[in-house]
Structures are given as structure tokens and as C-alpha cells.
Amino acid sequence: MSDSPSAPDLERDERLASGLTSATAALQQAIHLAVEAGLKVTVEVESMHHVGHHYPEPLVEVLVERVIRLS
């Protein structure tokens, strides 16, 4: 992968932004439904370390637990 700047591909950028928006909405809906069902949801987003010629990639971890309350 080259570090030299290139002309932006606006159509590609728009498709990527649209995909991210859709994926984010789906994640939010899934979390909402899980919480309503009594599950505890923890989402962590972190950046992985730079490796070689690759850019750091985000890492998304989701932990889902059943919460049981004893009275």
C-alpha cells in the first residue's frame, strides 16, 4: 500500500459511509433488543497496532451475558 496521496473516489466514499451507517444502525437495534430481553451487552472498540505496511484496523468486541437478579 502506497503512502502517496491519490484522488478521492467520492462514490466509493459514499458507499462506505452508507455501509457504516447501516451497520451501526443494525448494531444499535440488536443491542436494544438484547437489553430488552434482559441481557447485559458490553461493546468495546479499540485500535489494533500498526503492522508492516498495513494501517491499524479497528477491533470490535461484544460481550453478551444473561443477567439473573435474585430477590
N, C-alpha and C. Protein backbone atom coordinates (compact mmCIF):
# COMPACT_ATOMS: atom_id res chain seq x y z
N MET A 1 0.84 -1.17 0.00
CA MET A 1 0.00 0.00 0.00
C MET A 1 0.89 1.23 0.00
N SER A 2 0.59 2.16 -0.86
CA SER A 2 1.41 3.35 -1.01
C SER A 2 0.93 4.45 -0.07
N ASP A 3 1.88 5.26 0.39
CA ASP A 3 1.54 6.40 1.23
C ASP A 3 1.27 7.65 0.41
N SER A 4 1.44 7.57 -0.91
CA SER A 4 1.24 8.75 -1.74
C SER A 4 -0.25 9.07 -1.85
N PRO A 5 -0.58 10.36 -1.80
CA PRO A 5 -1.99 10.75 -1.88
C PRO A 5 -2.55 10.45 -3.26
N SER A 6 -3.81 10.05 -3.30
CA SER A 6 -4.46 9.80 -4.59
C SER A 6 -5.77 10.57 -4.62
N ALA A 7 -6.32 10.69 -5.79
CA ALA A 7 -7.57 11.42 -5.94
C ALA A 7 -8.67 10.66 -5.19
N PRO A 8 -9.50 11.37 -4.44
CA PRO A 8 -10.57 10.69 -3.70
C PRO A 8 -11.63 10.12 -4.64
N ASP A 9 -12.09 8.93 -4.31
CA ASP A 9 -13.17 8.30 -5.05
C ASP A 9 -14.45 8.58 -4.27
N LEU A 10 -15.15 9.64 -4.63
CA LEU A 10 -16.30 10.09 -3.87
C LEU A 10 -17.44 9.08 -3.84
N GLU A 11 -17.65 8.39 -4.94
CA GLU A 11 -18.72 7.37 -4.97
C GLU A 11 -18.38 6.23 -4.01
N ARG A 12 -17.14 5.81 -4.01
CA ARG A 12 -16.70 4.76 -3.10
C ARG A 12 -16.83 5.22 -1.65
N ASP A 13 -16.42 6.46 -1.39
CA ASP A 13 -16.53 7.01 -0.04
C ASP A 13 -17.99 7.03 0.41
N GLU A 14 -18.88 7.42 -0.49
CA GLU A 14 -20.30 7.47 -0.14
C GLU A 14 -20.85 6.07 0.15
N ARG A 15 -20.44 5.08 -0.63
CA ARG A 15 -20.87 3.68 -0.39
C ARG A 15 -20.36 3.20 0.96
N LEU A 16 -19.08 3.50 1.27
CA LEU A 16 -18.51 3.09 2.55
C LEU A 16 -19.23 3.77 3.72
N ALA A 17 -19.49 5.06 3.60
CA ALA A 17 -20.19 5.79 4.66
C ALA A 17 -21.60 5.23 4.85
N SER A 18 -22.27 4.93 3.76
CA SER A 18 -23.62 4.37 3.83
C SER A 18 -23.60 2.99 4.50
N GLY A 19 -22.61 2.17 4.14
CA GLY A 19 -22.48 0.85 4.75
C GLY A 19 -22.22 0.94 6.24
N LEU A 20 -21.35 1.87 6.64
CA LEU A 20 -21.07 2.07 8.07
C LEU A 20 -22.30 2.53 8.82
N THR A 21 -23.07 3.44 8.22
CA THR A 21 -24.28 3.93 8.85
C THR A 21 -25.30 2.80 9.03
N SER A 22 -25.46 1.98 8.01
CA SER A 22 -26.39 0.85 8.10
C SER A 22 -25.95 -0.17 9.14
N ALA A 23 -24.66 -0.47 9.17
CA ALA A 23 -24.14 -1.43 10.14
C ALA A 23 -24.28 -0.91 11.56
N THR A 24 -24.06 0.39 11.75
CA THR A 24 -24.19 0.99 13.07
C THR A 24 -25.64 0.93 13.54
N ALA A 25 -26.57 1.22 12.64
CA ALA A 25 -27.99 1.16 12.99
C ALA A 25 -28.39 -0.26 13.36
N ALA A 26 -27.90 -1.24 12.62
CA ALA A 26 -28.22 -2.64 12.92
C ALA A 26 -27.65 -3.06 14.28
N LEU A 27 -26.43 -2.61 14.58
CA LEU A 27 -25.82 -2.91 15.88
C LEU A 27 -26.64 -2.29 17.00
N GLN A 28 -27.04 -1.04 16.84
CA GLN A 28 -27.83 -0.37 17.87
C GLN A 28 -29.16 -1.08 18.10
N GLN A 29 -29.82 -1.51 17.03
CA GLN A 29 -31.09 -2.23 17.16
C GLN A 29 -30.89 -3.56 17.87
N ALA A 30 -29.83 -4.28 17.52
CA ALA A 30 -29.55 -5.58 18.14
C ALA A 30 -29.25 -5.41 19.63
N ILE A 31 -28.49 -4.38 19.99
CA ILE A 31 -28.19 -4.12 21.39
C ILE A 31 -29.47 -3.78 22.14
N HIS A 32 -30.31 -2.95 21.57
CA HIS A 32 -31.58 -2.57 22.20
C HIS A 32 -32.44 -3.79 22.46
N LEU A 33 -32.58 -4.66 21.47
CA LEU A 33 -33.38 -5.88 21.64
C LEU A 33 -32.80 -6.80 22.70
N ALA A 34 -31.48 -6.92 22.72
CA ALA A 34 -30.81 -7.78 23.71
C ALA A 34 -31.04 -7.25 25.13
N VAL A 35 -30.92 -5.95 25.30
CA VAL A 35 -31.12 -5.34 26.62
C VAL A 35 -32.57 -5.52 27.06
N GLU A 36 -33.50 -5.32 26.13
CA GLU A 36 -34.92 -5.54 26.46
C GLU A 36 -35.18 -6.98 26.88
N ALA A 37 -34.41 -7.92 26.35
CA ALA A 37 -34.57 -9.34 26.67
C ALA A 37 -33.86 -9.70 27.98
N GLY A 38 -33.22 -8.70 28.62
CA GLY A 38 -32.57 -8.95 29.90
C GLY A 38 -31.11 -9.32 29.82
N LEU A 39 -30.51 -9.08 28.68
CA LEU A 39 -29.09 -9.38 28.52
C LEU A 39 -28.25 -8.14 28.80
N LYS A 40 -27.08 -8.36 29.34
CA LYS A 40 -26.12 -7.27 29.55
C LYS A 40 -25.19 -7.28 28.34
N VAL A 41 -25.07 -6.15 27.68
CA VAL A 41 -24.25 -6.05 26.47
C VAL A 41 -23.12 -5.06 26.72
N THR A 42 -21.90 -5.51 26.46
CA THR A 42 -20.73 -4.64 26.56
C THR A 42 -20.06 -4.61 25.20
N VAL A 43 -19.84 -3.41 24.68
CA VAL A 43 -19.19 -3.24 23.38
C VAL A 43 -17.92 -2.43 23.59
N GLU A 44 -16.80 -2.96 23.10
CA GLU A 44 -15.53 -2.25 23.17
C GLU A 44 -14.98 -2.09 21.76
N VAL A 45 -14.54 -0.89 21.46
CA VAL A 45 -13.92 -0.62 20.17
C VAL A 45 -12.51 -0.12 20.46
N GLU A 46 -11.53 -0.78 19.89
CA GLU A 46 -10.15 -0.35 20.08
C GLU A 46 -9.40 -0.44 18.77
N SER A 47 -8.29 0.21 18.71
CA SER A 47 -7.47 0.21 17.52
C SER A 47 -6.34 -0.80 17.70
N MET A 48 -6.20 -1.68 16.73
CA MET A 48 -5.11 -2.64 16.78
C MET A 48 -3.82 -1.94 16.41
N HIS A 49 -2.70 -2.55 16.73
CA HIS A 49 -1.40 -1.95 16.45
C HIS A 49 -1.06 -2.01 14.97
N HIS A 50 -0.33 -1.02 14.52
CA HIS A 50 0.13 -0.94 13.14
C HIS A 50 1.07 -2.12 12.88
N VAL A 51 0.83 -2.83 11.78
CA VAL A 51 1.67 -3.98 11.43
C VAL A 51 2.15 -3.83 10.00
N GLY A 52 3.45 -3.84 9.81
CA GLY A 52 4.01 -3.78 8.46
C GLY A 52 3.53 -2.57 7.69
N HIS A 53 3.06 -2.82 6.48
CA HIS A 53 2.59 -1.75 5.61
C HIS A 53 1.09 -1.55 5.71
N HIS A 54 0.45 -2.21 6.66
CA HIS A 54 -1.00 -2.11 6.81
C HIS A 54 -1.35 -1.05 7.84
N TYR A 55 -2.46 -0.41 7.62
CA TYR A 55 -2.95 0.56 8.58
C TYR A 55 -3.53 -0.18 9.78
N PRO A 56 -3.55 0.45 10.95
CA PRO A 56 -4.18 -0.19 12.09
C PRO A 56 -5.67 -0.44 11.79
N GLU A 57 -6.16 -1.57 12.19
CA GLU A 57 -7.57 -1.90 11.95
C GLU A 57 -8.33 -1.84 13.27
N PRO A 58 -9.55 -1.32 13.24
CA PRO A 58 -10.34 -1.30 14.47
C PRO A 58 -10.76 -2.72 14.85
N LEU A 59 -10.84 -2.94 16.13
CA LEU A 59 -11.28 -4.23 16.65
C LEU A 59 -12.53 -3.97 17.47
N VAL A 60 -13.61 -4.65 17.14
CA VAL A 60 -14.86 -4.51 17.87
C VAL A 60 -15.12 -5.81 18.61
N GLU A 61 -15.23 -5.71 19.93
CA GLU A 61 -15.53 -6.88 20.75
C GLU A 61 -16.88 -6.66 21.41
N VAL A 62 -17.72 -7.70 21.38
CA VAL A 62 -19.04 -7.63 22.00
C VAL A 62 -19.15 -8.79 22.98
N LEU A 63 -19.51 -8.46 24.21
CA LEU A 63 -19.73 -9.46 25.25
C LEU A 63 -21.20 -9.39 25.65
N VAL A 64 -21.87 -10.55 25.62
CA VAL A 64 -23.28 -10.61 25.98
C VAL A 64 -23.43 -11.61 27.12
N GLU A 65 -24.08 -11.16 28.20
CA GLU A 65 -24.27 -12.01 29.37
C GLU A 65 -25.74 -12.02 29.77
N ARG A 66 -26.20 -13.15 30.28
CA ARG A 66 -27.54 -13.21 30.84
C ARG A 66 -27.45 -12.69 32.27
N VAL A 67 -28.31 -11.73 32.60
CA VAL A 67 -28.33 -11.16 33.95
C VAL A 67 -29.50 -11.78 34.70
N ILE A 68 -29.18 -12.40 35.82
CA ILE A 68 -30.21 -13.01 36.66
C ILE A 68 -30.17 -12.31 38.02
N ARG A 69 -31.26 -11.69 38.35
CA ARG A 69 -31.34 -10.97 39.62
C ARG A 69 -32.05 -11.85 40.63
N LEU A 70 -31.45 -12.01 41.79
CA LEU A 70 -32.05 -12.77 42.86
C LEU A 70 -32.69 -11.80 43.84
N SER A 71 -33.93 -12.04 44.20
CA SER A 71 -34.61 -11.14 45.13
C SER A 71 -34.51 -11.66 46.55
